Amino acid sequence: MNVLVIDVGTSSMCGIVFQGGGKVFVAQSAYRPDYLAGGVVEQTAESFLSALATCCSEAATFAAEKGLEIGLVSLTSQRSSITAVGADERPLIPFVMWQDTRNAELVDELGQSGKRIFELSGTKVNTVFSGTKMGWIERNLPEVAAAAVHYSTIPELLIHEMCGEWACDQTYASRSNLMNIRTRSWDPELLELFGVPAGKLSRIIAPGQAAGGVSATFSAATGLAEGTPVVSAGGDQQCGALGQGVVAPGVVSAVAGTGAFLETAVDAVPEGLADNVVCNASALAGQYTLEVSVPACCSALDWYRRTFCPDMGFDVIAEVVAAEHGKCAPSLVLPHFQGRGTPDWNPRARGVFAGLDLSVTRESLLYSLLVGIFTEVRINLDSFESYVALERGSISGGLTQAPAINQLQADVYGFGLTRQEDPESTARGALVSALAGQGFCASAEEACAQVSAGIAVESFEPDAEKHALLDIVKADAEALYAAM
């Protein structure tokens, strides 16, 4: 089976052709959102539609030249951005991107019903999720709201472009605060609270399910065969976890990019679920994920380098970490440069450096910053442990390029970690979702094994003595944050 995976990222879209589990072609189209004053972050719908046409056309051309038949299209995307669609089925406004915070006032207002919203939707109301963005449009853009017949995430618009169907899979719906996390359907009480008309929402489908087939129009425009099934594989973070091997409880995926996102699988919504985690639908039909996040990760390291040592390359950073970790005597750092995500969603939190003396160097400060970042990740891992026993972790992202930094993570977390030598974990997760969901593999485990075959894997085991020392740092960090 040859599968075209469309991976919609923040800075570009990729079209990747997989033959079996092997990647044989990649097309990429770059774009960027517009960051404007007043918390406005927008991006034109046309930029996504144009990138889709480019990726699909180039993939179809490659397949034709090689005599390959693309039998399936699988789509994964960034998750919570929203546009309003008019009666002509075209967007009325640019996408209100997931980073946009114009809905903050509505979020504060809905906080009065926060307990009930969490109970029904599995997450606290926040500025990122799409429900408050729709509610903001209904309230603040009355002319747009009056003309809108539909609200669409990026993947919904792309699915409609490919096959003429409006469909939203459960992973994106669970990132809206509007879907009942247990029934996996739009919840009337939530829709009323957020002020979103039910008639403006897509039908909900399971991840891994085909939303439709490539239309004659899209086939003529791109060269993809008419009728080729178009599968909604799930959101990018859910697919990223799947590509990292999170197919059953006990494994956690930790992506250390601009921020850090952590996901683990659960078979059902946990009893006694607390609002220190986000509970979403998984990219595997019927399964759930628990998710936590640390807003500043690579962004905090970039700040440090820019401010103190702009000439320091990543290879030197790795050497510094290895040397300082031999001493294992960090200063205390709370890495809340962009507020705090989970476990308490505190946007007003700020970074703190404590316990400094005259022996501190720029090298020891760098090490302390990384310890602080990974300690914040560890605190969030403890939130997972309330619901599922973690046995091992899989790491990826910009902060996993050096063995010394990965060993530091293992020593902070206290369990074994693996890192795949492959940057396409999200796309591979979308492939797993499609192969399992469409019945080409008997199970997700089989699909995951097929997709990851031949990929080199590094392993890192924790040092018990260093873990015990770093546990003291964790306790001090929690105490300092609580006292602020």
Protein backbone atom coordinates (compact mmCIF):
# COMPACT_ATOMS: atom_id res chain seq x y z
CA MET A 1 0.00 0.00 0.00
CA ASN A 2 1.38 3.39 -1.04
CA VAL A 3 0.09 6.16 1.20
CA LEU A 4 0.38 9.92 0.81
CA VAL A 5 0.54 11.57 4.23
CA ILE A 6 -0.25 15.28 4.42
CA ASP A 7 1.35 16.80 7.53
CA VAL A 8 0.17 20.35 8.24
CA GLY A 9 2.69 22.09 10.50
CA THR A 10 3.02 25.61 11.87
CA SER A 11 5.66 26.74 9.37
CA SER A 12 5.14 24.38 6.44
CA MET A 13 3.07 21.56 4.97
CA CYS A 14 4.65 18.29 3.88
CA GLY A 15 3.38 15.64 1.51
CA ILE A 16 5.19 12.38 2.18
CA VAL A 17 4.75 9.22 0.11
CA PHE A 18 5.27 6.02 2.07
CA GLN A 19 5.75 2.70 0.32
CA GLY A 20 4.99 0.10 2.98
CA GLY A 21 6.65 1.74 5.97
CA GLY A 22 9.43 3.39 3.98
CA LYS A 23 9.50 7.06 2.99
CA VAL A 24 10.14 7.42 -0.76
CA PHE A 25 9.21 11.04 -1.52
CA VAL A 26 8.76 14.36 0.29
CA ALA A 27 7.21 17.59 -1.01
CA GLN A 28 7.23 20.67 1.19
CA SER A 29 5.54 24.06 0.96
CA ALA A 30 6.43 26.80 3.43
CA TYR A 31 4.20 29.51 4.91
CA ARG A 32 3.91 31.46 8.12
CA PRO A 33 1.16 33.05 10.22
CA ASP A 34 0.97 36.81 10.69
CA TYR A 35 1.70 37.94 14.25
CA LEU A 36 -0.06 41.27 14.80
CA ALA A 37 -0.71 43.62 17.72
CA GLY A 38 -3.31 42.83 20.37
CA GLY A 39 -2.72 39.09 20.48
CA VAL A 40 -3.80 38.63 16.85
CA VAL A 41 -2.31 35.64 15.02
CA GLU A 42 -3.85 34.97 11.60
CA GLN A 43 -3.09 33.05 8.43
CA THR A 44 -4.92 33.06 5.12
CA ALA A 45 -6.89 30.00 4.14
CA GLU A 46 -5.39 30.31 0.67
CA SER A 47 -1.90 29.65 2.03
CA PHE A 48 -3.04 26.24 3.27
CA LEU A 49 -5.05 25.42 0.13
CA SER A 50 -2.15 26.40 -2.12
CA ALA A 51 0.29 24.30 -0.08
CA LEU A 52 -2.10 21.33 -0.27
CA ALA A 53 -2.33 21.59 -4.06
CA THR A 54 1.46 21.80 -4.33
CA CYS A 55 2.14 18.81 -2.08
CA CYS A 56 -0.51 16.62 -3.71
CA SER A 57 0.48 17.56 -7.28
CA GLU A 58 4.18 16.89 -6.68
CA ALA A 59 3.42 13.58 -4.96
CA ALA A 60 1.09 12.50 -7.77
CA THR A 61 3.70 13.42 -10.38
CA PHE A 62 6.37 11.43 -8.54
CA ALA A 63 4.07 8.42 -8.23
CA ALA A 64 3.20 8.52 -11.93
CA GLU A 65 6.87 8.73 -12.93
CA LYS A 66 7.74 5.75 -10.72
CA GLY A 67 4.71 3.70 -11.73
CA LEU A 68 3.27 3.77 -8.19
CA GLU A 69 -0.39 3.92 -7.29
CA ILE A 70 -1.27 6.10 -4.30
CA GLY A 71 -4.03 4.07 -2.65
CA LEU A 72 -4.73 6.30 0.34
CA VAL A 73 -4.35 9.89 1.54
CA SER A 74 -3.90 10.38 5.30
CA LEU A 75 -4.10 13.86 6.84
CA THR A 76 -2.69 15.12 10.15
CA SER A 77 -2.64 18.77 11.17
CA GLN A 78 -2.06 21.45 13.78
CA ARG A 79 -5.26 21.42 15.72
CA SER A 80 -7.26 24.37 17.01
CA SER A 81 -7.20 27.17 14.43
CA ILE A 82 -10.61 28.30 13.12
CA THR A 83 -12.15 30.09 10.14
CA ALA A 84 -15.76 30.90 9.27
CA VAL A 85 -17.11 29.58 5.98
CA GLY A 86 -19.85 31.23 3.93
CA ALA A 87 -22.70 29.83 1.84
CA ASP A 88 -20.33 29.41 -1.13
CA GLU A 89 -18.24 27.07 1.07
CA ARG A 90 -15.26 29.43 0.99
CA PRO A 91 -13.62 31.03 4.05
CA LEU A 92 -14.93 34.47 5.00
CA ILE A 93 -11.92 35.45 7.13
CA PRO A 94 -8.32 34.32 7.68
CA PHE A 95 -7.80 31.49 10.13
CA VAL A 96 -7.80 32.63 13.74
CA MET A 97 -4.72 30.64 14.68
CA TRP A 98 -4.33 28.52 17.80
CA GLN A 99 -1.84 31.07 19.22
CA ASP A 100 -4.36 33.95 18.90
CA THR A 101 -5.50 35.33 22.29
CA ARG A 102 -8.29 37.73 21.31
CA ASN A 103 -10.66 35.32 23.04
CA ALA A 104 -9.06 35.89 26.47
CA GLU A 105 -12.00 37.92 27.80
CA LEU A 106 -14.45 35.19 26.82
CA VAL A 107 -12.16 32.59 28.43
CA ASP A 108 -12.21 34.58 31.68
CA GLU A 109 -16.00 34.82 31.54
CA LEU A 110 -16.43 31.10 30.88
CA GLY A 111 -14.11 30.38 33.79
CA GLN A 112 -17.17 30.81 36.01
CA SER A 113 -18.43 27.55 34.51
CA GLY A 114 -14.96 26.03 34.41
CA LYS A 115 -15.70 23.02 36.59
CA ARG A 116 -18.66 21.96 34.46
CA ILE A 117 -16.76 22.58 31.21
CA PHE A 118 -13.92 20.38 32.40
CA GLU A 119 -16.32 17.68 33.57
CA LEU A 120 -17.95 17.49 30.14
CA SER A 121 -15.09 18.23 27.76
CA GLY A 122 -12.04 16.81 29.56
CA THR A 123 -10.10 20.06 29.63
CA LYS A 124 -10.16 23.48 31.23
CA VAL A 125 -11.39 26.35 29.11
CA ASN A 126 -8.41 28.13 27.56
CA THR A 127 -7.43 30.52 24.78
CA VAL A 128 -5.91 27.81 22.55
CA PHE A 129 -8.92 25.58 21.95
CA SER A 130 -11.27 26.27 19.06
CA GLY A 131 -14.58 26.61 20.94
CA THR A 132 -13.79 30.02 22.42
CA LYS A 133 -12.51 31.17 19.02
CA MET A 134 -15.88 30.31 17.48
CA GLY A 135 -17.66 31.97 20.38
CA TRP A 136 -15.47 35.05 19.97
CA ILE A 137 -16.42 35.32 16.28
CA GLU A 138 -20.13 34.95 17.12
CA ARG A 139 -19.83 37.72 19.70
CA ASN A 140 -17.30 40.13 18.18
CA LEU A 141 -17.67 39.76 14.40
CA PRO A 142 -21.47 39.86 13.99
CA GLU A 143 -21.40 40.36 10.20
CA VAL A 144 -19.11 37.37 9.77
CA ALA A 145 -21.19 35.28 12.17
CA ALA A 146 -24.39 36.17 10.29
CA ALA A 147 -22.85 35.12 6.97
CA ALA A 148 -21.16 31.99 8.34
CA VAL A 149 -22.84 28.68 7.69
CA HIS A 150 -19.90 26.66 9.00
CA TYR A 151 -16.89 26.82 11.29
CA SER A 152 -13.85 24.93 10.08
CA THR A 153 -10.47 23.88 11.45
CA ILE A 154 -7.57 23.64 9.00
CA PRO A 155 -7.96 19.86 8.48
CA GLU A 156 -11.70 20.22 7.90
CA LEU A 157 -11.09 22.78 5.16
CA LEU A 158 -8.45 20.59 3.53
CA ILE A 159 -10.70 17.52 3.66
CA HIS A 160 -13.47 19.55 2.04
CA GLU A 161 -11.04 20.74 -0.64
CA MET A 162 -10.01 17.17 -1.42
CA CYS A 163 -13.35 15.40 -1.32
CA GLY A 164 -16.17 17.93 -0.87
CA GLU A 165 -17.14 16.65 2.59
CA TRP A 166 -17.26 18.49 5.92
CA ALA A 167 -15.94 16.15 8.61
CA CYS A 168 -14.11 16.65 11.91
CA ASP A 169 -12.41 13.72 13.56
CA GLN A 170 -12.66 13.20 17.31
CA THR A 171 -9.11 14.37 18.04
CA TYR A 172 -9.84 17.89 16.76
CA ALA A 173 -13.32 17.94 18.28
CA SER A 174 -11.79 17.08 21.65
CA ARG A 175 -9.64 20.22 21.31
CA SER A 176 -12.68 22.49 21.14
CA ASN A 177 -14.25 22.34 24.64
CA LEU A 178 -17.46 21.57 22.72
CA MET A 179 -17.31 17.77 22.41
CA ASN A 180 -18.45 15.58 25.28
CA ILE A 181 -15.31 13.57 25.96
CA ARG A 182 -17.25 10.46 26.97
CA THR A 183 -19.94 10.36 24.26
CA ARG A 184 -17.63 11.82 21.57
CA SER A 185 -20.42 14.00 20.23
CA TRP A 186 -21.13 17.75 20.27
CA ASP A 187 -22.58 18.56 23.67
CA PRO A 188 -25.71 20.78 23.72
CA GLU A 189 -24.86 22.25 27.13
CA LEU A 190 -21.36 23.21 26.02
CA LEU A 191 -22.60 24.68 22.75
CA GLU A 192 -25.02 26.88 24.68
CA LEU A 193 -22.33 27.99 27.14
CA PHE A 194 -19.94 28.95 24.34
CA GLY A 195 -22.62 30.50 22.13
CA VAL A 196 -21.86 28.26 19.13
CA PRO A 197 -24.79 27.07 16.92
CA ALA A 198 -24.75 23.29 16.44
CA GLY A 199 -25.70 23.68 12.78
CA LYS A 200 -22.38 25.36 12.03
CA LEU A 201 -20.29 22.32 13.07
CA SER A 202 -19.13 19.34 11.01
CA ARG A 203 -20.16 15.75 11.57
CA ILE A 204 -17.73 13.99 13.90
CA ILE A 205 -15.89 10.91 12.63
CA ALA A 206 -13.43 8.53 14.27
CA PRO A 207 -9.69 9.02 13.64
CA GLY A 208 -8.44 6.65 10.95
CA GLN A 209 -11.82 6.82 9.20
CA ALA A 210 -12.17 7.95 5.58
CA ALA A 211 -14.07 11.22 5.32
CA GLY A 212 -14.67 10.63 1.61
CA GLY A 213 -12.83 10.11 -1.66
CA VAL A 214 -10.81 12.45 -3.87
CA SER A 215 -13.29 14.42 -5.97
CA ALA A 216 -13.17 14.72 -9.76
CA THR A 217 -12.29 18.40 -9.37
CA PHE A 218 -9.36 17.80 -7.02
CA SER A 219 -8.21 14.87 -9.14
CA ALA A 220 -8.09 17.07 -12.23
CA ALA A 221 -6.20 19.78 -10.34
CA THR A 222 -3.55 17.52 -8.77
CA GLY A 223 -3.36 14.18 -10.56
CA LEU A 224 -4.45 12.10 -7.56
CA ALA A 225 -6.84 9.35 -8.67
CA GLU A 226 -10.52 10.16 -8.29
CA GLY A 227 -12.08 8.20 -5.44
CA THR A 228 -8.83 7.70 -3.50
CA PRO A 229 -9.91 7.50 0.18
CA VAL A 230 -9.06 10.54 2.27
CA VAL A 231 -8.45 9.56 5.91
CA SER A 232 -8.44 11.97 8.85
CA ALA A 233 -5.65 10.47 10.94
CA GLY A 234 -5.88 12.82 13.93
CA GLY A 235 -4.17 15.90 15.34
CA ASP A 236 -0.44 16.39 15.04
CA GLN A 237 0.42 15.80 18.69
CA GLN A 238 -1.74 12.66 18.88
CA CYS A 239 -0.17 11.34 15.68
CA GLY A 240 3.29 12.31 16.90
CA ALA A 241 2.75 10.18 20.00
CA LEU A 242 1.51 7.30 17.87
CA GLY A 243 4.58 7.58 15.65
CA GLN A 244 6.71 7.37 18.80
CA GLY A 245 5.11 4.06 19.74
CA VAL A 246 2.43 5.23 22.18
CA VAL A 247 -0.14 2.59 21.26
CA ALA A 248 -0.98 1.33 24.76
CA PRO A 249 -0.85 2.59 28.38
CA GLY A 250 2.56 2.74 30.03
CA VAL A 251 4.51 4.62 27.34
CA VAL A 252 4.86 8.40 27.21
CA SER A 253 5.88 10.57 24.27
CA ALA A 254 7.82 13.74 25.09
CA VAL A 255 8.36 16.22 22.27
CA ALA A 256 10.84 18.89 23.32
CA GLY A 257 10.43 21.55 20.66
CA THR A 258 9.62 25.25 21.06
CA GLY A 259 7.57 24.06 24.00
CA ALA A 260 7.29 20.53 25.37
CA PHE A 261 4.24 18.33 24.74
CA LEU A 262 3.79 15.05 26.55
CA GLU A 263 1.21 12.40 25.70
CA THR A 264 0.35 9.01 27.09
CA ALA A 265 -2.44 6.57 26.26
CA VAL A 266 -5.37 5.48 28.41
CA ASP A 267 -8.16 3.10 27.48
CA ALA A 268 -10.94 5.20 29.01
CA VAL A 269 -11.49 8.60 30.59
CA PRO A 270 -9.93 8.10 34.04
CA GLU A 271 -12.14 8.10 37.09
CA GLY A 272 -11.53 11.14 39.24
CA LEU A 273 -9.91 13.04 36.35
CA ALA A 274 -8.42 16.32 37.63
CA ASP A 275 -7.74 19.46 35.66
CA ASN A 276 -3.95 19.11 35.90
CA VAL A 277 -4.06 17.21 32.58
CA VAL A 278 -5.89 17.46 29.27
CA CYS A 279 -7.91 14.42 28.20
CA ASN A 280 -8.31 14.13 24.42
CA ALA A 281 -9.37 11.56 21.89
CA SER A 282 -6.42 9.52 20.62
CA ALA A 283 -5.43 9.04 16.98
CA LEU A 284 -6.54 5.42 17.50
CA ALA A 285 -10.29 4.97 17.39
CA GLY A 286 -11.80 4.39 20.84
CA GLN A 287 -8.64 5.25 22.76
CA TYR A 288 -7.83 8.41 24.74
CA THR A 289 -4.68 10.37 25.44
CA LEU A 290 -3.66 12.43 28.43
CA GLU A 291 -1.66 15.50 27.46
CA VAL A 292 0.40 18.04 29.39
CA SER A 293 2.56 20.89 28.16
CA VAL A 294 5.46 23.16 29.10
CA PRO A 295 5.27 26.41 27.06
CA ALA A 296 9.00 27.28 27.04
CA CYS A 297 11.51 24.63 26.08
CA CYS A 298 13.75 25.27 23.04
CA SER A 299 12.48 28.85 23.16
CA ALA A 300 14.06 29.22 26.64
CA LEU A 301 17.34 27.77 25.40
CA ASP A 302 17.24 30.12 22.39
CA TRP A 303 16.76 33.06 24.77
CA TYR A 304 19.77 31.97 26.82
CA ARG A 305 22.01 31.60 23.77
CA ARG A 306 20.87 34.90 22.26
CA THR A 307 21.45 36.76 25.53
CA PHE A 308 24.62 35.20 26.94
CA CYS A 309 26.46 33.22 24.27
CA PRO A 310 25.23 33.74 20.68
CA ASP A 311 28.38 32.05 19.36
CA MET A 312 27.76 28.78 21.24
CA GLY A 313 26.85 25.97 18.85
CA PHE A 314 24.79 22.94 19.82
CA ASP A 315 27.89 20.73 19.90
CA VAL A 316 29.43 23.02 22.52
CA ILE A 317 26.16 23.06 24.49
CA ALA A 318 26.28 19.26 24.57
CA GLU A 319 29.85 19.32 25.89
CA VAL A 320 28.86 21.83 28.59
CA VAL A 321 25.91 19.68 29.67
CA ALA A 322 28.08 16.56 29.89
CA ALA A 323 30.69 18.35 31.99
CA GLU A 324 28.21 20.03 34.33
CA HIS A 325 26.12 16.88 34.71
CA GLY A 326 29.24 15.18 36.05
CA LYS A 327 29.00 17.61 38.99
CA CYS A 328 25.17 17.44 39.15
CA ALA A 329 24.92 20.64 41.20
CA PRO A 330 22.45 22.91 39.42
CA SER A 331 21.06 26.22 40.61
CA LEU A 332 17.28 26.40 40.86
CA VAL A 333 15.44 27.58 37.74
CA LEU A 334 11.71 27.88 37.10
CA PRO A 335 11.47 28.06 33.28
CA HIS A 336 8.17 29.96 33.07
CA PHE A 337 9.28 32.48 30.45
CA GLN A 338 5.90 32.27 28.66
CA GLY A 339 3.71 31.48 31.64
CA ARG A 340 3.02 27.99 32.89
CA GLY A 341 0.94 25.38 31.09
CA THR A 342 -0.14 22.29 32.97
CA PRO A 343 -0.58 21.43 35.76
CA ASP A 344 -2.16 24.77 36.74
CA TRP A 345 -2.49 26.85 33.51
CA ASN A 346 -0.96 30.03 34.94
CA PRO A 347 -0.24 32.50 32.09
CA ARG A 348 1.09 35.05 34.61
CA ALA A 349 3.90 32.82 35.88
CA ARG A 350 7.39 34.07 35.06
CA GLY A 351 10.89 32.62 35.01
CA VAL A 352 12.94 32.52 38.21
CA PHE A 353 16.65 31.93 38.83
CA ALA A 354 17.41 31.18 42.48
CA GLY A 355 20.23 29.92 44.66
CA LEU A 356 22.93 31.76 42.70
CA ASP A 357 26.33 32.53 44.27
CA LEU A 358 29.68 33.79 43.01
CA SER A 359 30.65 30.35 41.75
CA VAL A 360 27.96 30.42 39.06
CA THR A 361 29.28 30.52 35.48
CA ARG A 362 27.49 30.88 32.18
CA GLU A 363 28.07 27.14 31.70
CA SER A 364 26.55 26.17 35.05
CA LEU A 365 23.65 28.54 34.39
CA LEU A 366 23.00 26.86 31.04
CA TYR A 367 22.99 23.46 32.71
CA SER A 368 20.67 24.74 35.44
CA LEU A 369 18.25 26.09 32.82
CA LEU A 370 18.03 22.69 31.11
CA VAL A 371 17.58 20.95 34.47
CA GLY A 372 14.78 23.44 35.20
CA ILE A 373 13.04 22.71 31.89
CA PHE A 374 13.24 18.94 32.34
CA THR A 375 12.19 19.22 36.00
CA GLU A 376 9.04 21.02 34.86
CA VAL A 377 8.47 18.16 32.43
CA ARG A 378 8.98 15.70 35.32
CA ILE A 379 6.37 17.53 37.42
CA ASN A 380 3.92 17.04 34.57
CA LEU A 381 4.88 13.38 34.25
CA ASP A 382 3.86 13.01 37.90
CA SER A 383 0.40 14.22 36.85
CA PHE A 384 0.23 11.26 34.45
CA GLU A 385 1.30 8.87 37.18
CA SER A 386 -1.94 9.65 39.02
CA TYR A 387 -3.79 7.78 36.27
CA VAL A 388 -1.37 5.36 34.59
CA ALA A 389 1.95 3.77 35.55
CA LEU A 390 4.67 4.95 33.17
CA GLU A 391 7.21 2.32 32.19
CA ARG A 392 9.29 4.11 29.57
CA GLY A 393 9.38 7.18 27.37
CA SER A 394 10.06 8.10 23.77
CA ILE A 395 11.63 11.51 23.12
CA SER A 396 11.91 13.73 20.06
CA GLY A 397 12.29 17.38 19.11
CA GLY A 398 15.00 20.02 19.00
CA LEU A 399 16.28 19.36 22.53
CA THR A 400 17.03 15.70 21.81
CA GLN A 401 19.88 16.13 19.33
CA ALA A 402 22.68 15.29 21.78
CA PRO A 403 23.17 12.12 23.87
CA ALA A 404 24.32 14.17 26.89
CA ILE A 405 21.05 16.10 26.96
CA ASN A 406 19.03 12.92 26.51
CA GLN A 407 20.90 11.26 29.39
CA LEU A 408 20.10 14.30 31.52
CA GLN A 409 16.42 13.82 30.70
CA ALA A 410 16.54 10.14 31.69
CA ASP A 411 18.21 11.04 34.99
CA VAL A 412 15.59 13.72 35.75
CA TYR A 413 12.60 11.54 34.79
CA GLY A 414 13.84 8.35 36.42
CA PHE A 415 12.92 5.87 33.68
CA GLY A 416 14.36 4.63 30.40
CA LEU A 417 14.06 6.72 27.23
CA THR A 418 14.38 5.93 23.54
CA ARG A 419 14.96 8.28 20.62
CA GLN A 420 14.30 7.33 17.01
CA GLU A 421 16.69 8.58 14.34
CA ASP A 422 13.78 9.88 12.27
CA PRO A 423 12.24 13.38 12.13
CA GLU A 424 8.91 12.22 10.73
CA SER A 425 7.20 10.77 13.80
CA THR A 426 4.01 12.79 13.21
CA ALA A 427 3.71 11.61 9.61
CA ARG A 428 4.46 8.04 10.65
CA GLY A 429 1.76 8.29 13.29
CA ALA A 430 -0.70 9.42 10.60
CA LEU A 431 0.37 6.37 8.59
CA VAL A 432 -0.21 4.07 11.59
CA SER A 433 -3.65 5.60 12.19
CA ALA A 434 -4.64 5.07 8.55
CA LEU A 435 -3.28 1.53 8.25
CA ALA A 436 -4.97 0.43 11.48
CA GLY A 437 -8.17 2.40 10.90
CA GLN A 438 -8.61 1.12 7.35
CA GLY A 439 -7.88 -2.49 8.26
CA PHE A 440 -4.59 -2.88 6.36
CA CYS A 441 -2.99 -4.03 9.61
CA ALA A 442 -4.62 -6.24 12.21
CA SER A 443 -3.71 -3.93 15.08
CA ALA A 444 -2.07 -0.63 15.89
CA GLU A 445 0.90 -2.56 17.31
CA GLU A 446 1.35 -4.35 13.97
CA ALA A 447 1.05 -1.09 12.04
CA CYS A 448 3.54 0.60 14.35
CA ALA A 449 6.05 -2.24 13.94
CA GLN A 450 5.68 -2.09 10.15
CA VAL A 451 6.10 1.68 10.00
CA SER A 452 9.12 1.82 12.35
CA ALA A 453 11.02 -1.16 10.93
CA GLY A 454 14.61 -0.29 10.14
CA ILE A 455 14.67 3.02 12.05
CA ALA A 456 17.69 3.34 14.31
CA VAL A 457 16.88 3.81 18.01
CA GLU A 458 19.07 5.17 20.83
CA SER A 459 18.38 4.18 24.44
CA PHE A 460 19.15 6.02 27.68
CA GLU A 461 18.82 4.51 31.16
CA PRO A 462 18.70 6.64 34.33
CA ASP A 463 21.52 6.83 36.85
CA ALA A 464 19.90 6.15 40.24
CA GLU A 465 22.27 8.39 42.19
CA LYS A 466 21.81 11.37 39.89
CA HIS A 467 18.04 10.82 39.82
CA ALA A 468 17.97 11.02 43.63
CA LEU A 469 19.92 14.30 43.58
CA LEU A 470 17.67 15.77 40.90
CA ASP A 471 14.61 14.72 42.88
CA ILE A 472 15.73 17.24 45.51
CA VAL A 473 15.79 19.94 42.82
CA LYS A 474 12.25 18.98 41.87
CA ALA A 475 11.05 19.28 45.47
CA ASP A 476 12.73 22.69 45.79
CA ALA A 477 11.16 23.89 42.53
CA GLU A 478 7.68 22.86 43.64
CA ALA A 479 8.15 24.55 47.00
CA LEU A 480 9.41 27.77 45.39
CA TYR A 481 6.52 27.90 42.93
CA ALA A 482 3.99 27.26 45.71
CA ALA A 483 5.46 30.12 47.77
CA MET A 484 5.18 32.67 44.96
